[in-house]
N, C-alpha and C. Protein backbone atom coordinates (compact mmCIF):
# COMPACT_ATOMS: atom_id res chain seq x y z
N UNK A 1 3.23 -37.75 3.03
CA UNK A 1 2.94 -36.65 1.91
C UNK A 1 3.59 -35.45 1.39
N UNK A 2 3.74 -35.09 0.22
CA UNK A 2 4.00 -33.74 -0.94
C UNK A 2 3.82 -32.90 -0.08
N UNK A 3 5.01 -31.38 0.41
CA UNK A 3 4.66 -30.38 0.78
C UNK A 3 3.96 -29.94 -0.20
N UNK A 4 3.12 -29.06 0.79
CA UNK A 4 2.47 -27.96 0.11
C UNK A 4 2.81 -26.81 -0.35
N UNK A 5 2.29 -26.74 -1.91
CA UNK A 5 2.34 -26.13 -2.80
C UNK A 5 1.33 -24.85 -3.09
N UNK A 6 1.11 -24.03 -3.88
CA UNK A 6 0.76 -22.82 -4.54
C UNK A 6 0.99 -23.16 -5.57
N UNK A 7 0.02 -23.23 -6.35
CA UNK A 7 0.05 -23.38 -7.88
C UNK A 7 0.34 -22.44 -8.24
N UNK A 8 -0.61 -21.03 -7.75
CA UNK A 8 -0.54 -20.11 -8.57
C UNK A 8 0.34 -18.61 -7.97
N UNK A 9 1.37 -19.67 -7.87
CA UNK A 9 2.48 -18.45 -6.58
C UNK A 9 2.91 -17.45 -8.16
N UNK A 10 3.56 -17.78 -8.87
CA UNK A 10 4.04 -16.91 -9.55
C UNK A 10 3.30 -16.16 -9.90
N UNK A 11 1.46 -16.09 -9.58
CA UNK A 11 1.20 -15.74 -10.45
C UNK A 11 1.03 -13.84 -8.55
N UNK A 12 0.73 -14.83 -7.79
CA UNK A 12 1.23 -14.13 -5.87
C UNK A 12 2.14 -12.96 -6.50
N UNK A 13 3.16 -13.79 -6.77
CA UNK A 13 4.35 -12.60 -6.76
C UNK A 13 4.36 -11.83 -7.63
N UNK A 14 3.93 -12.44 -8.80
CA UNK A 14 3.78 -10.64 -9.98
C UNK A 14 2.98 -9.42 -9.06
N UNK A 15 1.45 -10.00 -8.28
CA UNK A 15 0.72 -8.93 -7.79
C UNK A 15 1.62 -8.38 -6.43
N UNK A 16 2.47 -9.04 -5.89
CA UNK A 16 3.58 -8.30 -4.46
C UNK A 16 4.00 -7.66 -5.26
N UNK A 17 4.67 -6.89 -6.98
CA UNK A 17 5.00 -6.78 -6.72
C UNK A 17 4.47 -5.93 -7.21
N UNK A 18 4.14 -5.65 -7.92
CA UNK A 18 2.67 -5.09 -9.12
C UNK A 18 2.62 -3.67 -7.53
N UNK A 19 2.04 -4.62 -6.44
CA UNK A 19 1.63 -3.84 -5.17
C UNK A 19 2.50 -3.18 -4.96
N UNK A 20 4.24 -3.51 -4.88
CA UNK A 20 5.38 -3.26 -4.47
C UNK A 20 5.00 -1.37 -5.00
N UNK A 21 4.58 -2.31 -7.02
CA UNK A 21 5.58 -0.86 -7.67
C UNK A 21 4.49 0.92 -6.81
N UNK A 22 3.08 -0.45 -7.08
CA UNK A 22 1.89 0.79 -7.24
C UNK A 22 1.85 2.32 -5.44
N UNK A 23 2.43 0.92 -5.02
CA UNK A 23 3.54 1.29 -3.40
C UNK A 23 3.99 3.40 -3.48
N UNK A 24 5.58 2.11 -4.11
CA UNK A 24 6.50 3.75 -4.78
C UNK A 24 6.25 4.60 -5.41
N UNK A 25 5.16 4.31 -6.90
CA UNK A 25 4.40 5.07 -6.97
C UNK A 25 3.98 6.47 -6.36
N UNK A 26 3.08 5.48 -6.07
CA UNK A 26 1.81 6.62 -4.55
C UNK A 26 3.30 7.49 -3.83
N UNK A 27 4.20 6.46 -3.37
CA UNK A 27 4.68 8.03 -2.32
C UNK A 27 5.11 8.70 -3.15
N UNK A 28 5.96 8.75 -4.65
CA UNK A 28 5.90 9.73 -5.51
C UNK A 28 5.78 10.52 -5.77
N UNK A 29 4.65 10.45 -5.85
CA UNK A 29 3.77 11.08 -6.43
C UNK A 29 2.70 12.37 -4.72
N UNK A 30 2.90 11.63 -3.64
CA UNK A 30 2.47 12.32 -2.45
C UNK A 30 3.99 13.03 -2.29
N UNK A 31 4.45 12.86 -2.32
CA UNK A 31 6.26 13.60 -2.22
C UNK A 31 6.18 14.76 -3.73
N UNK A 32 5.22 14.74 -4.70
CA UNK A 32 5.25 15.90 -5.21
C UNK A 32 4.08 16.74 -5.13
N UNK A 33 3.13 16.13 -4.70
CA UNK A 33 2.04 17.11 -4.19
C UNK A 33 2.73 17.70 -2.70
N UNK A 34 3.42 16.81 -1.97
CA UNK A 34 4.67 18.03 -0.93
C UNK A 34 5.11 19.18 -1.57
N UNK A 35 5.86 18.97 -2.47
CA UNK A 35 6.74 19.47 -3.38
C UNK A 35 5.96 21.33 -3.72
N UNK A 36 4.66 20.99 -4.27
CA UNK A 36 3.73 21.45 -5.32
C UNK A 36 2.98 22.78 -3.68
N UNK A 37 2.77 21.53 -2.87
CA UNK A 37 1.93 23.12 -2.00
C UNK A 37 3.16 23.79 -1.56
N UNK A 38 3.74 23.25 -1.36
CA UNK A 38 5.18 24.03 -1.11
C UNK A 38 5.81 25.36 -1.97
N UNK A 39 5.71 25.28 -2.82
CA UNK A 39 5.18 26.13 -3.82
C UNK A 39 4.62 27.31 -3.88
N UNK A 40 3.54 26.58 -3.41
CA UNK A 40 2.12 27.99 -3.52
C UNK A 40 2.51 28.21 -2.47
N UNK A 41 3.01 27.80 -1.67
CA UNK A 41 3.06 28.78 0.14
C UNK A 41 4.36 29.59 0.35
N UNK A 42 5.23 29.78 -0.65
CA UNK A 42 6.78 30.25 -0.82
C UNK A 42 6.10 31.10 -2.05
N UNK A 43 5.63 30.84 -3.20
CA UNK A 43 4.90 31.88 -4.03
C UNK A 43 4.00 33.45 -3.58
N UNK A 44 2.56 32.40 -2.03
CA UNK A 44 2.76 33.42 -1.67
C UNK A 44 2.46 33.65 -0.53
N UNK A 45 3.92 33.64 0.25
CA UNK A 45 4.06 34.42 1.02
C UNK A 45 4.57 36.03 -0.12
N UNK A 46 5.59 35.40 -0.62
CA UNK A 46 6.73 36.02 -1.74
C UNK A 46 5.48 37.05 -2.25
N UNK A 47 3.91 36.84 -2.73
CA UNK A 47 2.97 37.93 -2.81
C UNK A 47 2.63 39.26 -2.11
N UNK A 48 2.27 38.18 -0.92
CA UNK A 48 1.91 38.76 0.31
C UNK A 48 3.26 39.62 0.79
N UNK A 49 4.64 39.46 0.71
CA UNK A 49 5.53 40.39 1.43
C UNK A 49 5.90 41.87 -0.06
N UNK A 50 5.02 41.37 -1.35
CA UNK A 50 5.64 42.74 -2.67
C UNK A 50 4.05 43.38 -2.37
N UNK A 51 2.97 42.55 -1.49
CA UNK A 51 1.98 43.84 -1.41
C UNK A 51 1.95 44.58 -0.57
N UNK A 52 2.60 43.34 -0.33
CA UNK A 52 2.86 44.90 1.82
C UNK A 52 4.05 46.45 1.24
N UNK A 53 5.47 45.96 0.75
CA UNK A 53 6.25 46.57 0.51
C UNK A 53 5.57 47.62 -1.07
N UNK A 54 4.24 47.16 -1.60
CA UNK A 54 3.84 48.36 -2.69
C UNK A 54 2.73 49.18 -1.84
N UNK A 55 2.27 48.66 -0.50
CA UNK A 55 1.78 49.84 0.01
C UNK A 55 2.09 50.23 0.72
N UNK A 56 3.49 50.19 1.15
CA UNK A 56 4.30 51.12 2.33
C UNK A 56 4.67 52.10 1.44
N UNK A 57 4.91 51.65 -0.32
CA UNK A 57 5.72 52.65 -1.00
C UNK A 57 4.72 54.17 -1.44
N UNK A 58 2.88 53.31 -1.58
CA UNK A 58 2.78 54.92 -1.63
C UNK A 58 2.07 55.28 -0.45
N UNK A 59 2.42 54.28 0.53
CA UNK A 59 2.32 55.41 2.05
C UNK A 59 3.41 56.68 2.00
N UNK A 60 4.65 55.81 1.78
CA UNK A 60 5.78 57.50 1.49
C UNK A 60 5.92 57.77 0.08
N UNK A 61 4.76 57.81 -0.66
CA UNK A 61 4.81 59.00 -1.33
C UNK A 61 6.44 58.76 -2.81
N UNK A 62 5.97 57.39 -2.80
CA UNK A 62 7.63 57.04 -4.10
C UNK A 62 6.63 57.24 -5.44
N UNK A 63 7.75 57.80 -6.17
CA UNK A 63 7.50 58.14 -7.22
C UNK A 63 7.37 56.76 -8.40
N UNK A 64 6.25 57.50 -9.23
CA UNK A 64 5.06 56.59 -10.43
C UNK A 64 6.01 55.67 -11.20
N UNK A 65 6.84 56.12 -11.65
CA UNK A 65 7.66 55.14 -11.99
C UNK A 65 7.78 53.20 -11.09
N UNK A 66 8.57 54.27 -10.28
CA UNK A 66 8.38 52.87 -9.08
C UNK A 66 7.56 51.86 -8.55
N UNK A 67 6.48 53.24 -9.02
CA UNK A 67 4.98 52.17 -8.18
C UNK A 67 5.00 51.06 -9.69
N UNK A 68 5.26 51.84 -11.09
CA UNK A 68 4.51 50.52 -12.11
C UNK A 68 5.48 49.73 -11.36
N UNK A 69 6.32 50.11 -11.49
CA UNK A 69 7.16 48.70 -11.92
C UNK A 69 7.47 47.24 -10.31
N UNK A 70 6.45 47.75 -8.99
CA UNK A 70 6.07 46.87 -7.97
C UNK A 70 5.22 46.43 -8.08
N UNK A 71 3.94 47.54 -8.66
CA UNK A 71 2.77 46.87 -9.30
C UNK A 71 3.39 45.12 -9.98
N UNK A 72 3.93 45.81 -10.90
CA UNK A 72 3.50 44.79 -12.61
C UNK A 72 4.37 43.72 -11.52
N UNK A 73 5.81 43.83 -10.74
CA UNK A 73 6.13 42.44 -10.13
C UNK A 73 5.12 42.02 -9.24
N UNK A 74 3.89 42.59 -9.03
CA UNK A 74 3.05 41.86 -7.96
C UNK A 74 2.36 40.99 -9.01
N UNK A 75 1.69 41.79 -9.70
CA UNK A 75 1.06 40.79 -10.92
C UNK A 75 2.03 39.73 -11.48
N UNK A 76 3.04 39.90 -11.47
CA UNK A 76 3.56 38.46 -12.11
C UNK A 76 3.68 36.92 -10.87
N UNK A 77 3.81 37.73 -8.81
CA UNK A 77 3.80 37.22 -9.21
C UNK A 77 2.50 36.31 -8.74
N UNK A 78 1.47 37.44 -8.38
CA UNK A 78 0.36 36.88 -8.96
C UNK A 78 -0.01 35.74 -9.90
N UNK A 79 0.79 35.78 -11.65
CA UNK A 79 0.49 34.73 -12.19
C UNK A 79 1.33 33.28 -12.08
N UNK A 80 2.80 33.10 -10.81
CA UNK A 80 3.17 32.59 -10.13
C UNK A 80 2.34 31.63 -9.14
N UNK A 81 1.90 32.64 -8.07
CA UNK A 81 0.28 31.89 -7.64
C UNK A 81 -0.48 31.01 -8.39
N UNK A 82 -1.04 31.46 -9.39
CA UNK A 82 -2.07 30.69 -9.99
C UNK A 82 -1.40 29.34 -10.78
N UNK A 83 -0.48 29.46 -11.48
CA UNK A 83 0.27 28.57 -12.16
C UNK A 83 0.64 27.48 -11.02
N UNK A 84 1.55 27.33 -9.74
CA UNK A 84 1.83 26.61 -8.59
C UNK A 84 0.36 26.91 -8.26
N UNK A 85 -0.54 27.16 -8.23
CA UNK A 85 -1.86 26.41 -7.52
C UNK A 85 -2.58 25.16 -8.85
N UNK A 86 -1.80 25.75 -9.83
CA UNK A 86 -2.56 24.73 -11.07
C UNK A 86 -1.78 23.29 -11.28
N UNK A 87 -0.31 23.49 -10.84
CA UNK A 87 0.60 22.28 -10.37
C UNK A 87 -0.11 21.20 -9.62
N UNK A 88 -0.43 22.08 -8.40
CA UNK A 88 -0.69 22.11 -6.58
C UNK A 88 -2.05 20.37 -7.06
N UNK A 89 -2.61 21.17 -8.27
CA UNK A 89 -4.03 20.70 -8.30
C UNK A 89 -3.33 19.25 -9.44
N UNK A 90 -2.71 19.80 -9.90
CA UNK A 90 -2.78 18.49 -11.20
C UNK A 90 -1.92 17.45 -10.69
N UNK A 91 -1.48 18.22 -9.54
CA UNK A 91 -0.91 16.69 -8.45
C UNK A 91 -1.58 16.07 -7.62
N UNK A 92 -2.12 16.62 -7.40
CA UNK A 92 -3.28 15.84 -6.25
C UNK A 92 -4.23 15.37 -6.83
N UNK A 93 -4.30 15.35 -8.41
CA UNK A 93 -5.16 14.63 -9.53
C UNK A 93 -3.99 13.81 -9.64
N UNK A 94 -3.10 13.51 -9.64
CA UNK A 94 -2.29 12.74 -9.61
C UNK A 94 -1.92 11.43 -8.52
N UNK A 95 -1.60 12.70 -7.53
CA UNK A 95 -2.37 10.85 -6.33
C UNK A 95 -2.95 10.54 -6.10
N UNK A 96 -4.45 11.46 -6.52
CA UNK A 96 -5.74 10.56 -6.28
C UNK A 96 -5.81 9.45 -7.52
N UNK A 97 -5.20 9.13 -8.47
CA UNK A 97 -5.47 8.25 -9.51
C UNK A 97 -4.25 6.89 -9.09
N UNK A 98 -3.50 7.57 -8.46
CA UNK A 98 -2.45 6.33 -7.87
C UNK A 98 -2.84 5.71 -7.52
N UNK A 99 -3.27 6.63 -6.08
CA UNK A 99 -4.25 5.99 -4.78
C UNK A 99 -5.21 5.05 -5.20
N UNK A 100 -5.43 5.34 -6.33
CA UNK A 100 -6.70 3.86 -6.69
C UNK A 100 -6.18 2.84 -7.12
N UNK A 101 -5.06 3.47 -8.01
CA UNK A 101 -4.18 2.12 -8.45
C UNK A 101 -3.74 0.72 -7.77
N UNK A 102 -3.21 1.76 -6.94
CA UNK A 102 -2.41 1.11 -5.22
C UNK A 102 -3.49 0.39 -4.47
N UNK A 103 -5.17 0.39 -4.25
CA UNK A 103 -5.73 0.04 -3.92
C UNK A 103 -6.23 -0.81 -4.40
N UNK A 104 -6.20 -1.36 -6.21
CA UNK A 104 -6.67 -1.95 -6.41
C UNK A 104 -5.33 -3.24 -6.70
N UNK A 105 -4.21 -2.93 -6.88
CA UNK A 105 -3.39 -3.92 -6.47
C UNK A 105 -3.60 -4.18 -5.17
N UNK A 106 -3.23 -3.88 -4.65
CA UNK A 106 -3.37 -4.18 -3.32
C UNK A 106 -5.02 -5.15 -2.48
N UNK A 107 -6.50 -5.08 -3.32
CA UNK A 107 -7.42 -6.21 -3.16
C UNK A 107 -6.91 -7.55 -4.12
N UNK A 108 -5.68 -6.87 -5.03
CA UNK A 108 -5.55 -8.32 -5.73
C UNK A 108 -4.33 -9.08 -5.74
N UNK A 109 -3.57 -9.18 -4.49
CA UNK A 109 -3.51 -9.52 -3.85
C UNK A 109 -3.63 -9.79 -2.88
N UNK A 110 -4.69 -9.12 -2.27
CA UNK A 110 -5.00 -10.03 -1.46
C UNK A 110 -6.29 -11.03 -1.22
N UNK A 111 -6.74 -10.74 -2.38
CA UNK A 111 -7.62 -11.86 -2.75
C UNK A 111 -7.26 -12.85 -3.55
N UNK A 112 -5.85 -13.27 -3.88
CA UNK A 112 -4.07 -14.57 -4.06
C UNK A 112 -4.15 -15.07 -2.48
N UNK A 113 -3.49 -14.07 -1.29
CA UNK A 113 -3.39 -14.01 -0.61
C UNK A 113 -4.80 -14.94 0.19
N UNK A 114 -6.23 -15.18 0.33
CA UNK A 114 -6.77 -15.37 0.96
C UNK A 114 -7.08 -17.02 0.68
N UNK A 115 -7.11 -16.95 -1.29
CA UNK A 115 -6.72 -17.95 -1.49
C UNK A 115 -5.79 -19.52 -1.30
N UNK A 116 -4.48 -18.40 -1.39
CA UNK A 116 -4.06 -19.24 -0.83
C UNK A 116 -3.77 -19.62 0.26
N UNK A 117 -4.36 -18.72 1.13
CA UNK A 117 -4.93 -19.81 2.26
C UNK A 117 -6.27 -20.77 3.00
N UNK A 118 -6.88 -20.53 2.04
CA UNK A 118 -8.32 -21.68 2.38
C UNK A 118 -7.75 -22.87 1.11
N UNK A 119 -6.28 -22.64 1.14
CA UNK A 119 -6.04 -23.86 -0.06
C UNK A 119 -4.85 -24.71 1.11
N UNK A 120 -3.80 -24.17 2.00
CA UNK A 120 -3.74 -24.58 2.94
C UNK A 120 -3.53 -24.82 3.61
N UNK A 121 -5.48 -24.67 4.09
CA UNK A 121 -6.03 -25.16 5.82
C UNK A 121 -6.61 -26.33 4.74
N UNK A 122 -7.28 -26.52 3.36
CA UNK A 122 -6.98 -27.27 2.79
C UNK A 122 -6.43 -28.92 3.03
N UNK A 123 -5.88 -27.98 2.33
CA UNK A 123 -4.25 -28.97 2.95
C UNK A 123 -3.61 -29.64 3.87
N UNK A 124 -3.57 -28.80 5.47
CA UNK A 124 -3.92 -29.36 6.23
C UNK A 124 -4.22 -30.37 7.17
N UNK A 125 -5.98 -30.05 6.59
CA UNK A 125 -6.88 -30.21 6.36
C UNK A 125 -6.75 -32.18 6.11
N UNK A 126 -6.52 -32.82 5.29
CA UNK A 126 -6.05 -33.21 4.28
C UNK A 126 -5.34 -34.15 5.29
N UNK A 127 -3.92 -33.29 5.29
CA UNK A 127 -2.75 -34.14 5.62
C UNK A 127 -3.75 -34.75 7.40
N UNK A 128 -3.64 -34.06 8.07
CA UNK A 128 -4.08 -34.85 9.15
C UNK A 128 -5.58 -36.18 9.54
N UNK A 129 -5.97 -35.42 8.15
CA UNK A 129 -6.99 -36.92 8.31
C UNK A 129 -6.18 -38.24 7.18
N UNK A 130 -5.53 -38.12 6.77
CA UNK A 130 -4.90 -38.85 6.17
C UNK A 130 -3.87 -39.56 7.23
N UNK A 131 -3.00 -38.84 8.31
CA UNK A 131 -2.17 -39.17 9.17
C UNK A 131 -3.03 -39.81 10.51
N UNK A 132 -4.51 -39.30 10.79
CA UNK A 132 -4.93 -39.77 11.71
C UNK A 132 -5.22 -41.27 10.98
N UNK A 133 -5.99 -41.65 9.78
CA UNK A 133 -6.26 -42.20 9.27
C UNK A 133 -5.09 -44.12 8.76
N UNK A 134 -4.29 -43.06 9.12
CA UNK A 134 -2.83 -44.07 8.94
C UNK A 134 -2.76 -44.74 10.57
N UNK A 135 -2.78 -43.81 11.67
CA UNK A 135 -2.75 -43.90 12.85
C UNK A 135 -3.11 -45.20 13.19
N UNK A 136 -5.01 -44.75 12.86
CA UNK A 136 -6.39 -46.04 13.36
C UNK A 136 -5.93 -46.88 12.98
N UNK A 137 -4.55 -47.34 11.55
CA UNK A 137 -5.27 -48.55 10.89
C UNK A 137 -3.46 -49.27 11.60
N UNK A 138 -2.59 -48.22 12.28
CA UNK A 138 -1.63 -48.50 13.01
C UNK A 138 -2.48 -49.47 14.38
N UNK A 139 -3.40 -48.92 14.82
CA UNK A 139 -3.24 -49.27 15.97
C UNK A 139 -4.03 -50.72 15.91
N UNK A 140 -5.44 -51.10 14.90
CA UNK A 140 -5.76 -52.13 14.33
C UNK A 140 -5.14 -53.04 13.92
N UNK A 141 -3.69 -52.24 13.32
CA UNK A 141 -2.73 -53.78 13.31
C UNK A 141 -2.49 -54.29 14.68
N UNK A 142 -2.26 -53.44 15.39
CA UNK A 142 -1.00 -53.94 16.59
C UNK A 142 -2.77 -54.47 17.80
N UNK A 143 -3.78 -54.05 17.65
CA UNK A 143 -5.26 -55.07 18.71
C UNK A 143 -4.61 -56.40 18.01
N UNK A 144 -4.40 -56.34 17.05
CA UNK A 144 -4.95 -58.04 16.12
C UNK A 144 -3.60 -58.27 15.17
N UNK A 145 -2.46 -58.28 16.46
CA UNK A 145 -1.63 -58.83 16.00
C UNK A 145 -1.87 -60.43 16.93
N UNK A 146 -0.95 -61.23 16.58
CA UNK A 146 -0.94 -62.04 17.35
C UNK A 146 0.26 -61.54 18.73
N UNK A 147 1.04 -61.30 18.66
CA UNK A 147 1.69 -60.52 20.46
C UNK A 147 0.55 -59.78 20.72
N UNK A 148 -0.02 -59.22 19.80
CA UNK A 148 -1.04 -58.06 21.40
C UNK A 148 -1.97 -59.17 21.99
N UNK A 149 -2.40 -60.15 21.20
CA UNK A 149 -3.74 -61.33 21.78
C UNK A 149 -2.89 -62.02 22.69
N UNK A 150 -1.69 -62.29 22.94
CA UNK A 150 -0.79 -63.07 23.89
C UNK A 150 -0.61 -62.07 25.66
N UNK A 151 -0.26 -60.82 25.20
CA UNK A 151 -0.63 -59.76 26.11
C UNK A 151 -1.58 -59.89 26.11
N UNK A 152 -2.83 -59.49 25.73
CA UNK A 152 -4.97 -59.45 26.33
C UNK A 152 -5.10 -60.74 26.84
N UNK A 153 -4.73 -61.95 26.63
CA UNK A 153 -5.14 -62.67 27.51
C UNK A 153 -4.29 -62.88 28.63
N UNK A 154 -2.46 -62.47 28.98
CA UNK A 154 -2.80 -62.76 30.73
C UNK A 154 -2.87 -61.77 30.83
N UNK A 155 -3.32 -60.53 30.85
CA UNK A 155 -4.15 -59.23 31.13
C UNK A 155 -4.72 -59.13 31.82
N UNK A 156 -6.10 -60.08 31.34
CA UNK A 156 -7.19 -60.33 31.50
C UNK A 156 -6.87 -61.06 33.28
N UNK A 157 -8.98 -60.66 33.30
CA UNK A 157 -8.82 -60.90 34.52
C UNK A 157 -8.88 -62.47 35.12
N UNK A 158 -9.40 -63.08 36.14
CA UNK A 158 -9.33 -64.30 36.48
C UNK A 158 -11.05 -64.37 37.36
């Protein structure tokens, strides 16, 4: 009998490649999201340090020009935090979108995987039935052959 051949193997291979590609895109977007989160954290720490420095300058009684510069720098850092938070949110949306693509690609590949398994089981059952039929025919031939009749006649109790 012919060996098992899954006729949809080229499509199955394409689905596997699509799933792997989606997995790689997911990993890349996850890294980008982590980097964006680190950027927000870094900007927040810098802003906190700026506010602490401004408060110290106020307590020390520094000149107004110096206070204005420190306050302006705090404003710049606040904008940086907001921009990085927006970038983080965008990165999270990208992660969600790529996750959905990955789940879809996985479902498609798994459905072909299940189909291949069902067809392989059906093929195995057919092969097993064919082999059993051939063995049964061989046994019948042996039983009904002249040589086996002589052997049976010699072994029968008298």
